[in-house]
Protein backbone atom coordinates (compact mmCIF):
# COMPACT_ATOMS: atom_id res chain seq x y z
CA MET A 1 -18.68 -20.39 28.63
CA GLY A 2 -16.22 -17.85 27.39
CA ILE A 3 -17.03 -14.35 26.36
CA ALA A 4 -16.26 -13.54 22.75
CA VAL A 5 -13.39 -11.10 22.65
CA PRO A 6 -13.26 -8.87 19.56
CA ASN A 7 -10.16 -8.95 17.44
CA PRO A 8 -7.61 -6.30 18.33
CA PRO A 9 -7.75 -3.16 16.19
CA LEU A 10 -5.86 -3.17 12.92
CA SER A 11 -2.18 -2.56 13.31
CA LYS A 12 -0.58 0.67 12.20
CA ASN A 13 0.82 -1.17 9.19
CA ASN A 14 -2.67 -2.13 8.02
CA ASP A 15 -3.76 1.50 8.36
CA LEU A 16 -0.75 2.63 6.32
CA THR A 17 -1.37 -0.02 3.70
CA GLN A 18 -4.97 1.16 3.36
CA LYS A 19 -3.83 4.79 3.10
CA LEU A 20 -1.33 3.78 0.43
CA LEU A 21 -3.97 1.93 -1.60
CA ASP A 22 -6.46 4.80 -1.21
CA TYR A 23 -3.85 7.28 -2.47
CA VAL A 24 -3.05 5.14 -5.53
CA ARG A 25 -6.77 4.67 -6.30
CA LYS A 26 -7.47 8.40 -5.96
CA ASN A 27 -4.53 9.51 -8.12
CA GLY A 28 -4.45 6.60 -10.56
CA HIS A 29 -0.76 6.00 -9.84
CA ALA A 30 1.96 6.92 -7.35
CA LYS A 31 5.70 7.25 -7.06
CA THR A 32 7.67 6.21 -4.01
CA GLY A 33 8.62 9.79 -3.08
CA ALA A 34 4.98 10.94 -3.05
CA LEU A 35 3.96 7.99 -0.88
CA ILE A 36 6.74 8.73 1.61
CA GLU A 37 5.40 12.29 2.00
CA VAL A 38 1.73 11.25 2.22
CA LEU A 39 2.27 8.41 4.68
CA GLY A 40 5.02 10.07 6.71
CA SER A 41 6.88 6.76 6.78
CA PRO A 42 10.53 5.97 6.13
CA ARG A 43 11.45 5.10 2.54
CA ARG A 44 12.33 1.52 3.44
CA SER A 45 8.94 0.94 5.08
CA VAL A 46 7.08 2.30 2.07
CA ILE A 47 9.13 0.16 -0.31
CA ARG A 48 8.47 -2.90 1.85
CA MET A 49 4.70 -2.22 1.75
CA LEU A 50 4.80 -1.67 -2.01
CA ASN A 51 6.69 -4.93 -2.58
CA LYS A 52 4.20 -6.85 -0.43
CA LEU A 53 1.25 -5.38 -2.34
CA ILE A 54 2.92 -6.30 -5.64
CA ALA A 55 3.54 -9.86 -4.39
CA ASP A 56 -0.13 -10.05 -3.28
CA GLY A 57 -1.21 -8.97 -6.76
CA ARG A 58 -2.87 -5.75 -5.59
CA LEU A 59 -0.41 -3.34 -7.25
CA VAL A 60 1.74 -3.40 -10.35
CA ARG A 61 5.01 -1.53 -10.87
CA GLU A 62 5.77 0.12 -14.19
CA GLY A 63 9.41 1.00 -14.69
CA ASN A 64 12.38 0.79 -12.36
CA GLY A 65 14.38 3.02 -10.08
CA PRO A 66 13.30 6.59 -9.33
CA GLY A 67 10.95 6.61 -12.33
CA ALA A 68 8.93 3.61 -11.15
CA VAL A 69 5.18 4.18 -10.97
CA TYR A 70 2.78 2.02 -8.96
CA LYS A 71 -0.78 1.37 -10.11
CA ILE A 72 -3.72 -0.72 -8.96
CA ASN A 73 -3.60 -4.12 -10.65
CA ASP A 74 -6.45 -3.96 -13.20
CA SER A 75 -7.03 -7.70 -12.97
CA GLN A 76 -7.87 -7.24 -9.26
CA LYS A 77 -10.52 -4.54 -9.79
CA MET A 78 -14.05 -5.76 -9.23
C-alpha cells in the first residue's frame, strides 16, 4: 500500500495568475503597465499570462497596443 502524497504546491505562475485575476476583478479592468507594477513581473511574462487567460476565455481584451484594457469575461461570471 502506498501513502497518498499531496500534490505539490501551486507554482509561482499559478500564484501570479491568481493575483492578476484578483486585481482585474477588484478594479474592473487593467492595463498591462499596471499589472507589471502590481505583479513585479517582466512585461513579456505578464503579456504571456494575459494571452493565456484570453485563450482560456477568462479575460477579454478591449482595444490594442498601449491602450488595451483587460476585463473579466462576463460570460464566465457565475
